[in-house]
Amino acid sequence: MLYKIIDSDRNIENKNKFEVNEQTGEIFTKVVFDRETQGAYALEVEARDGSPSARPNSNNQPNSGKFFGKISLCC
């Protein structure tokens, strides 16, 4: 599996604040956050395998899935 932050309208504000390890899917911060300014961030990540899909109408593209989640800051 390979993971990446998707270039999408939902990620415009936050994609430069996070990075994802493309091998493990772990999400890391790239900036220092201030919880009092903003307590949560939304991020959309895609997971894709390296094999052509056997699903009908997949055009041999790899299997993939998207995750849209909320990252909350605490403490």
PDB file of N, CA and C in Angstrom:
ATOM      1  N   MET A   1       0.844  -1.182   0.000  1.00  0.00           N
ATOM      2  CA  MET A   1       0.000   0.000   0.000  1.00  0.00           C
ATOM      3  C   MET A   1       0.883   1.236   0.000  1.00  0.00           C
ATOM      4  N   LEU A   2       0.411   2.243  -0.697  1.00  0.00           N
ATOM      5  CA  LEU A   2       1.044   3.554  -0.680  1.00  0.00           C
ATOM      6  C   LEU A   2      -0.007   4.576  -0.262  1.00  0.00           C
ATOM      7  N   TYR A   3       0.400   5.523   0.552  1.00  0.00           N
ATOM      8  CA  TYR A   3      -0.509   6.517   1.097  1.00  0.00           C
ATOM      9  C   TYR A   3      -0.056   7.903   0.661  1.00  0.00           C
ATOM     10  N   LYS A   4      -1.033   8.788   0.437  1.00  0.00           N
ATOM     11  CA  LYS A   4      -0.687  10.173   0.110  1.00  0.00           C
ATOM     12  C   LYS A   4      -1.831  11.094   0.503  1.00  0.00           C
ATOM     13  N   ILE A   5      -1.474  12.351   0.754  1.00  0.00           N
ATOM     14  CA  ILE A   5      -2.477  13.382   0.991  1.00  0.00           C
ATOM     15  C   ILE A   5      -2.984  13.823  -0.373  1.00  0.00           C
ATOM     16  N   ILE A   6      -4.278  13.815  -0.533  1.00  0.00           N
ATOM     17  CA  ILE A   6      -4.894  14.098  -1.820  1.00  0.00           C
ATOM     18  C   ILE A   6      -4.925  15.603  -2.088  1.00  0.00           C
ATOM     19  N   ASP A   7      -4.677  15.971  -3.338  1.00  0.00           N
ATOM     20  CA  ASP A   7      -4.877  17.352  -3.758  1.00  0.00           C
ATOM     21  C   ASP A   7      -6.364  17.522  -4.044  1.00  0.00           C
ATOM     22  N   SER A   8      -7.076  18.108  -3.110  1.00  0.00           N
ATOM     23  CA  SER A   8      -8.517  18.298  -3.276  1.00  0.00           C
ATOM     24  C   SER A   8      -8.929  19.609  -2.619  1.00  0.00           C
ATOM     25  N   ASP A   9     -10.126  20.049  -2.953  1.00  0.00           N
ATOM     26  CA  ASP A   9     -10.650  21.287  -2.359  1.00  0.00           C
ATOM     27  C   ASP A   9     -10.745  21.177  -0.839  1.00  0.00           C
ATOM     28  N   ARG A  10     -11.017  19.969  -0.330  1.00  0.00           N
ATOM     29  CA  ARG A  10     -11.150  19.799   1.125  1.00  0.00           C
ATOM     30  C   ARG A  10      -9.802  19.882   1.830  1.00  0.00           C
ATOM     31  N   ASN A  11      -8.703  19.741   1.094  1.00  0.00           N
ATOM     32  CA  ASN A  11      -7.370  19.768   1.696  1.00  0.00           C
ATOM     33  C   ASN A  11      -6.624  21.080   1.488  1.00  0.00           C
ATOM     34  N   ILE A  12      -7.213  22.030   0.806  1.00  0.00           N
ATOM     35  CA  ILE A  12      -6.499  23.255   0.447  1.00  0.00           C
ATOM     36  C   ILE A  12      -5.854  23.929   1.659  1.00  0.00           C
ATOM     37  N   GLU A  13      -6.589  24.077   2.742  1.00  0.00           N
ATOM     38  CA  GLU A  13      -6.062  24.801   3.905  1.00  0.00           C
ATOM     39  C   GLU A  13      -5.091  23.970   4.734  1.00  0.00           C
ATOM     40  N   ASN A  14      -5.212  22.647   4.713  1.00  0.00           N
ATOM     41  CA  ASN A  14      -4.469  21.833   5.678  1.00  0.00           C
ATOM     42  C   ASN A  14      -3.388  20.931   5.098  1.00  0.00           C
ATOM     43  N   LYS A  15      -3.322  20.752   3.793  1.00  0.00           N
ATOM     44  CA  LYS A  15      -2.379  19.770   3.249  1.00  0.00           C
ATOM     45  C   LYS A  15      -0.925  20.142   3.493  1.00  0.00           C
ATOM     46  N   ASN A  16      -0.602  21.406   3.650  1.00  0.00           N
ATOM     47  CA  ASN A  16       0.772  21.812   3.908  1.00  0.00           C
ATOM     48  C   ASN A  16       1.129  21.785   5.393  1.00  0.00           C
ATOM     49  N   LYS A  17       0.161  21.459   6.235  1.00  0.00           N
ATOM     50  CA  LYS A  17       0.405  21.381   7.671  1.00  0.00           C
ATOM     51  C   LYS A  17       0.716  19.965   8.134  1.00  0.00           C
ATOM     52  N   PHE A  18       0.481  18.994   7.244  1.00  0.00           N
ATOM     53  CA  PHE A  18       0.681  17.588   7.586  1.00  0.00           C
ATOM     54  C   PHE A  18       1.455  16.888   6.481  1.00  0.00           C
ATOM     55  N   GLU A  19       2.079  15.784   6.842  1.00  0.00           N
ATOM     56  CA  GLU A  19       2.670  14.900   5.849  1.00  0.00           C
ATOM     57  C   GLU A  19       2.334  13.469   6.237  1.00  0.00           C
ATOM     58  N   VAL A  20       2.280  12.596   5.257  1.00  0.00           N
ATOM     59  CA  VAL A  20       1.958  11.202   5.514  1.00  0.00           C
ATOM     60  C   VAL A  20       3.120  10.346   5.024  1.00  0.00           C
ATOM     61  N   ASN A  21       3.506   9.372   5.843  1.00  0.00           N
ATOM     62  CA  ASN A  21       4.524   8.416   5.429  1.00  0.00           C
ATOM     63  C   ASN A  21       3.885   7.538   4.372  1.00  0.00           C
ATOM     64  N   GLU A  22       4.408   7.571   3.161  1.00  0.00           N
ATOM     65  CA  GLU A  22       3.745   6.856   2.062  1.00  0.00           C
ATOM     66  C   GLU A  22       3.771   5.344   2.225  1.00  0.00           C
ATOM     67  N   GLN A  23       4.665   4.821   3.046  1.00  0.00           N
ATOM     68  CA  GLN A  23       4.740   3.376   3.256  1.00  0.00           C
ATOM     69  C   GLN A  23       3.851   2.888   4.399  1.00  0.00           C
ATOM     70  N   THR A  24       3.749   3.675   5.475  1.00  0.00           N
ATOM     71  CA  THR A  24       3.021   3.227   6.664  1.00  0.00           C
ATOM     72  C   THR A  24       1.659   3.893   6.841  1.00  0.00           C
ATOM     73  N   GLY A  25       1.475   5.057   6.233  1.00  0.00           N
ATOM     74  CA  GLY A  25       0.235   5.800   6.408  1.00  0.00           C
ATOM     75  C   GLY A  25       0.218   6.682   7.654  1.00  0.00           C
ATOM     76  N   GLU A  26       1.319   6.686   8.411  1.00  0.00           N
ATOM     77  CA  GLU A  26       1.377   7.533   9.605  1.00  0.00           C
ATOM     78  C   GLU A  26       1.322   9.003   9.195  1.00  0.00           C
ATOM     79  N   ILE A  27       0.565   9.784   9.943  1.00  0.00           N
ATOM     80  CA  ILE A  27       0.421  11.213   9.660  1.00  0.00           C
ATOM     81  C   ILE A  27       1.232  11.996  10.675  1.00  0.00           C
ATOM     82  N   PHE A  28       2.027  12.945  10.184  1.00  0.00           N
ATOM     83  CA  PHE A  28       2.891  13.774  11.015  1.00  0.00           C
ATOM     84  C   PHE A  28       2.571  15.247  10.771  1.00  0.00           C
ATOM     85  N   THR A  29       2.870  16.073  11.756  1.00  0.00           N
ATOM     86  CA  THR A  29       2.673  17.509  11.612  1.00  0.00           C
ATOM     87  C   THR A  29       3.931  18.152  11.036  1.00  0.00           C
ATOM     88  N   LYS A  30       3.740  19.218  10.279  1.00  0.00           N
ATOM     89  CA  LYS A  30       4.855  19.965   9.696  1.00  0.00           C
ATOM     90  C   LYS A  30       4.981  21.357  10.301  1.00  0.00           C
ATOM     91  N   VAL A  31       4.012  21.741  11.134  1.00  0.00           N
ATOM     92  CA  VAL A  31       4.007  23.061  11.750  1.00  0.00           C
ATOM     93  C   VAL A  31       3.679  22.908  13.238  1.00  0.00           C
ATOM     94  N   VAL A  32       3.890  23.974  13.978  1.00  0.00           N
ATOM     95  CA  VAL A  32       3.498  24.019  15.385  1.00  0.00           C
ATOM     96  C   VAL A  32       2.081  24.575  15.444  1.00  0.00           C
ATOM     97  N   PHE A  33       1.195  23.872  16.135  1.00  0.00           N
ATOM     98  CA  PHE A  33      -0.207  24.271  16.208  1.00  0.00           C
ATOM     99  C   PHE A  33      -0.498  25.010  17.508  1.00  0.00           C
ATOM    100  N   ASP A  34      -1.487  25.877  17.454  1.00  0.00           N
ATOM    101  CA  ASP A  34      -1.987  26.572  18.636  1.00  0.00           C
ATOM    102  C   ASP A  34      -3.445  26.141  18.819  1.00  0.00           C
ATOM    103  N   ARG A  35      -3.686  25.296  19.796  1.00  0.00           N
ATOM    104  CA  ARG A  35      -5.020  24.736  20.029  1.00  0.00           C
ATOM    105  C   ARG A  35      -6.056  25.818  20.320  1.00  0.00           C
ATOM    106  N   GLU A  36      -5.628  26.914  20.883  1.00  0.00           N
ATOM    107  CA  GLU A  36      -6.569  27.988  21.196  1.00  0.00           C
ATOM    108  C   GLU A  36      -7.005  28.743  19.942  1.00  0.00           C
ATOM    109  N   THR A  37      -6.202  28.714  18.899  1.00  0.00           N
ATOM    110  CA  THR A  37      -6.550  29.360  17.634  1.00  0.00           C
ATOM    111  C   THR A  37      -7.449  28.461  16.793  1.00  0.00           C
ATOM    112  N   GLN A  38      -7.062  27.182  16.703  1.00  0.00           N
ATOM    113  CA  GLN A  38      -7.851  26.205  15.948  1.00  0.00           C
ATOM    114  C   GLN A  38      -7.637  24.849  16.603  1.00  0.00           C
ATOM    115  N   GLY A  39      -8.730  24.186  16.967  1.00  0.00           N
ATOM    116  CA  GLY A  39      -8.630  22.945  17.715  1.00  0.00           C
ATOM    117  C   GLY A  39      -8.735  21.676  16.899  1.00  0.00           C
ATOM    118  N   ALA A  40      -9.094  21.800  15.607  1.00  0.00           N
ATOM    119  CA  ALA A  40      -9.253  20.601  14.781  1.00  0.00           C
ATOM    120  C   ALA A  40      -8.960  20.928  13.325  1.00  0.00           C
ATOM    121  N   TYR A  41      -8.521  19.918  12.617  1.00  0.00           N
ATOM    122  CA  TYR A  41      -8.175  20.052  11.200  1.00  0.00           C
ATOM    123  C   TYR A  41      -8.740  18.857  10.445  1.00  0.00           C
ATOM    124  N   ALA A  42      -9.153  19.093   9.213  1.00  0.00           N
ATOM    125  CA  ALA A  42      -9.659  18.014   8.366  1.00  0.00           C
ATOM    126  C   ALA A  42      -8.594  17.664   7.337  1.00  0.00           C
ATOM    127  N   LEU A  43      -8.515  16.378   7.002  1.00  0.00           N
ATOM    128  CA  LEU A  43      -7.495  15.919   6.067  1.00  0.00           C
ATOM    129  C   LEU A  43      -8.032  14.723   5.289  1.00  0.00           C
ATOM    130  N   GLU A  44      -7.743  14.694   3.993  1.00  0.00           N
ATOM    131  CA  GLU A  44      -8.164  13.582   3.136  1.00  0.00           C
ATOM    132  C   GLU A  44      -6.928  12.853   2.628  1.00  0.00           C
ATOM    133  N   VAL A  45      -6.889  11.544   2.871  1.00  0.00           N
ATOM    134  CA  VAL A  45      -5.746  10.701   2.512  1.00  0.00           C
ATOM    135  C   VAL A  45      -6.234   9.568   1.627  1.00  0.00           C
ATOM    136  N   GLU A  46      -5.393   9.176   0.677  1.00  0.00           N
ATOM    137  CA  GLU A  46      -5.707   8.048  -0.207  1.00  0.00           C
ATOM    138  C   GLU A  46      -4.727   6.914   0.042  1.00  0.00           C
ATOM    139  N   ALA A  47      -5.249   5.695   0.045  1.00  0.00           N
ATOM    140  CA  ALA A  47      -4.426   4.484   0.113  1.00  0.00           C
ATOM    141  C   ALA A  47      -4.596   3.759  -1.215  1.00  0.00           C
ATOM    142  N   ARG A  48      -3.484   3.314  -1.789  1.00  0.00           N
ATOM    143  CA  ARG A  48      -3.525   2.672  -3.104  1.00  0.00           C
ATOM    144  C   ARG A  48      -2.545   1.499  -3.102  1.00  0.00           C
ATOM    145  N   ASP A  49      -3.000   0.358  -3.624  1.00  0.00           N
ATOM    146  CA  ASP A  49      -2.069  -0.766  -3.729  1.00  0.00           C
ATOM    147  C   ASP A  49      -1.392  -0.720  -5.096  1.00  0.00           C
ATOM    148  N   GLY A  50      -0.405  -1.568  -5.298  1.00  0.00           N
ATOM    149  CA  GLY A  50       0.376  -1.524  -6.534  1.00  0.00           C
ATOM    150  C   GLY A  50      -0.061  -2.501  -7.592  1.00  0.00           C
ATOM    151  N   SER A  51      -1.163  -3.179  -7.387  1.00  0.00           N
ATOM    152  CA  SER A  51      -1.593  -4.204  -8.335  1.00  0.00           C
ATOM    153  C   SER A  51      -2.806  -3.729  -9.122  1.00  0.00           C
ATOM    154  N   PRO A  52      -2.874  -4.105 -10.402  1.00  0.00           N
ATOM    155  CA  PRO A  52      -4.073  -3.760 -11.168  1.00  0.00           C
ATOM    156  C   PRO A  52      -5.304  -4.415 -10.547  1.00  0.00           C
ATOM    157  N   SER A  53      -6.377  -3.670 -10.485  1.00  0.00           N
ATOM    158  CA  SER A  53      -7.614  -4.168  -9.889  1.00  0.00           C
ATOM    159  C   SER A  53      -8.290  -5.174 -10.808  1.00  0.00           C
ATOM    160  N   ALA A  54      -8.906  -6.174 -10.202  1.00  0.00           N
ATOM    161  CA  ALA A  54      -9.682  -7.157 -10.952  1.00  0.00           C
ATOM    162  C   ALA A  54     -11.151  -6.760 -11.017  1.00  0.00           C
ATOM    163  N   ARG A  55     -11.506  -5.652 -10.413  1.00  0.00           N
ATOM    164  CA  ARG A  55     -12.899  -5.213 -10.418  1.00  0.00           C
ATOM    165  C   ARG A  55     -13.324  -4.799 -11.824  1.00  0.00           C
ATOM    166  N   PRO A  56     -14.579  -5.059 -12.161  1.00  0.00           N
ATOM    167  CA  PRO A  56     -15.075  -4.636 -13.473  1.00  0.00           C
ATOM    168  C   PRO A  56     -14.966  -3.121 -13.649  1.00  0.00           C
ATOM    169  N   ASN A  57     -14.669  -2.689 -14.845  1.00  0.00           N
ATOM    170  CA  ASN A  57     -14.569  -1.278 -15.219  1.00  0.00           C
ATOM    171  C   ASN A  57     -13.479  -0.512 -14.483  1.00  0.00           C
ATOM    172  N   SER A  58     -12.482  -1.213 -13.971  1.00  0.00           N
ATOM    173  CA  SER A  58     -11.387  -0.543 -13.251  1.00  0.00           C
ATOM    174  C   SER A  58     -10.263  -0.115 -14.187  1.00  0.00           C
ATOM    175  N   ASN A  59     -10.301  -0.591 -15.436  1.00  0.00           N
ATOM    176  CA  ASN A  59      -9.268  -0.252 -16.424  1.00  0.00           C
ATOM    177  C   ASN A  59      -7.863  -0.558 -15.927  1.00  0.00           C
ATOM    178  N   ASN A  60      -7.737  -1.637 -15.152  1.00  0.00           N
ATOM    179  CA  ASN A  60      -6.457  -2.081 -14.602  1.00  0.00           C
ATOM    180  C   ASN A  60      -5.783  -1.060 -13.698  1.00  0.00           C
ATOM    181  N   GLN A  61      -6.545  -0.092 -13.200  1.00  0.00           N
ATOM    182  CA  GLN A  61      -6.000   0.852 -12.232  1.00  0.00           C
ATOM    183  C   GLN A  61      -5.866   0.153 -10.880  1.00  0.00           C
ATOM    184  N   PRO A  62      -4.935   0.586 -10.045  1.00  0.00           N
ATOM    185  CA  PRO A  62      -4.787  -0.034  -8.719  1.00  0.00           C
ATOM    186  C   PRO A  62      -6.030   0.174  -7.853  1.00  0.00           C
ATOM    187  N   ASN A  63      -6.251  -0.740  -6.932  1.00  0.00           N
ATOM    188  CA  ASN A  63      -7.308  -0.558  -5.934  1.00  0.00           C
ATOM    189  C   ASN A  63      -6.933   0.640  -5.071  1.00  0.00           C
ATOM    190  N   SER A  64      -7.936   1.415  -4.696  1.00  0.00           N
ATOM    191  CA  SER A  64      -7.650   2.575  -3.850  1.00  0.00           C
ATOM    192  C   SER A  64      -8.862   2.882  -2.985  1.00  0.00           C
ATOM    193  N   GLY A  65      -8.586   3.587  -1.917  1.00  0.00           N
ATOM    194  CA  GLY A  65      -9.640   4.044  -1.027  1.00  0.00           C
ATOM    195  C   GLY A  65      -9.247   5.386  -0.451  1.00  0.00           C
ATOM    196  N   LYS A  66     -10.238   6.195  -0.105  1.00  0.00           N
ATOM    197  CA  LYS A  66      -9.971   7.519   0.460  1.00  0.00           C
ATOM    198  C   LYS A  66     -10.516   7.592   1.872  1.00  0.00           C
ATOM    199  N   PHE A  67      -9.802   8.328   2.703  1.00  0.00           N
ATOM    200  CA  PHE A  67     -10.211   8.556   4.080  1.00  0.00           C
ATOM    201  C   PHE A  67     -10.275  10.064   4.290  1.00  0.00           C
ATOM    202  N   PHE A  68     -11.382  10.536   4.794  1.00  0.00           N
ATOM    203  CA  PHE A  68     -11.512  11.936   5.154  1.00  0.00           C
ATOM    204  C   PHE A  68     -11.743  11.977   6.650  1.00  0.00           C
ATOM    205  N   GLY A  69     -10.803  12.560   7.380  1.00  0.00           N
ATOM    206  CA  GLY A  69     -10.908  12.514   8.820  1.00  0.00           C
ATOM    207  C   GLY A  69     -10.638  13.848   9.485  1.00  0.00           C
ATOM    208  N   LYS A  70     -10.941  13.888  10.752  1.00  0.00           N
ATOM    209  CA  LYS A  70     -10.748  15.065  11.583  1.00  0.00           C
ATOM    210  C   LYS A  70      -9.608  14.782  12.550  1.00  0.00           C
ATOM    211  N   ILE A  71      -8.660  15.692  12.604  1.00  0.00           N
ATOM    212  CA  ILE A  71      -7.542  15.592  13.537  1.00  0.00           C
ATOM    213  C   ILE A  71      -7.774  16.641  14.610  1.00  0.00           C
ATOM    214  N   SER A  72      -7.957  16.194  15.836  1.00  0.00           N
ATOM    215  CA  SER A  72      -8.231  17.088  16.960  1.00  0.00           C
ATOM    216  C   SER A  72      -6.975  17.279  17.799  1.00  0.00           C
ATOM    217  N   LEU A  73      -6.766  18.489  18.280  1.00  0.00           N
ATOM    218  CA  LEU A  73      -5.635  18.798  19.155  1.00  0.00           C
ATOM    219  C   LEU A  73      -6.097  18.774  20.596  1.00  0.00           C
ATOM    220  N   CYS A  74      -5.253  18.279  21.440  1.00  0.00           N
ATOM    221  CA  CYS A  74      -5.614  18.296  22.868  1.00  0.00           C
ATOM    222  C   CYS A  74      -4.418  18.690  23.722  1.00  0.00           C
ATOM    223  N   CYS A  75      -4.677  18.970  24.934  1.00  0.00           N
ATOM    224  CA  CYS A  75      -3.703  19.236  26.002  1.00  0.00           C
ATOM    225  C   CYS A  75      -2.864  20.408  25.688  1.00  0.00           C
TER     226      CYS A  75
END
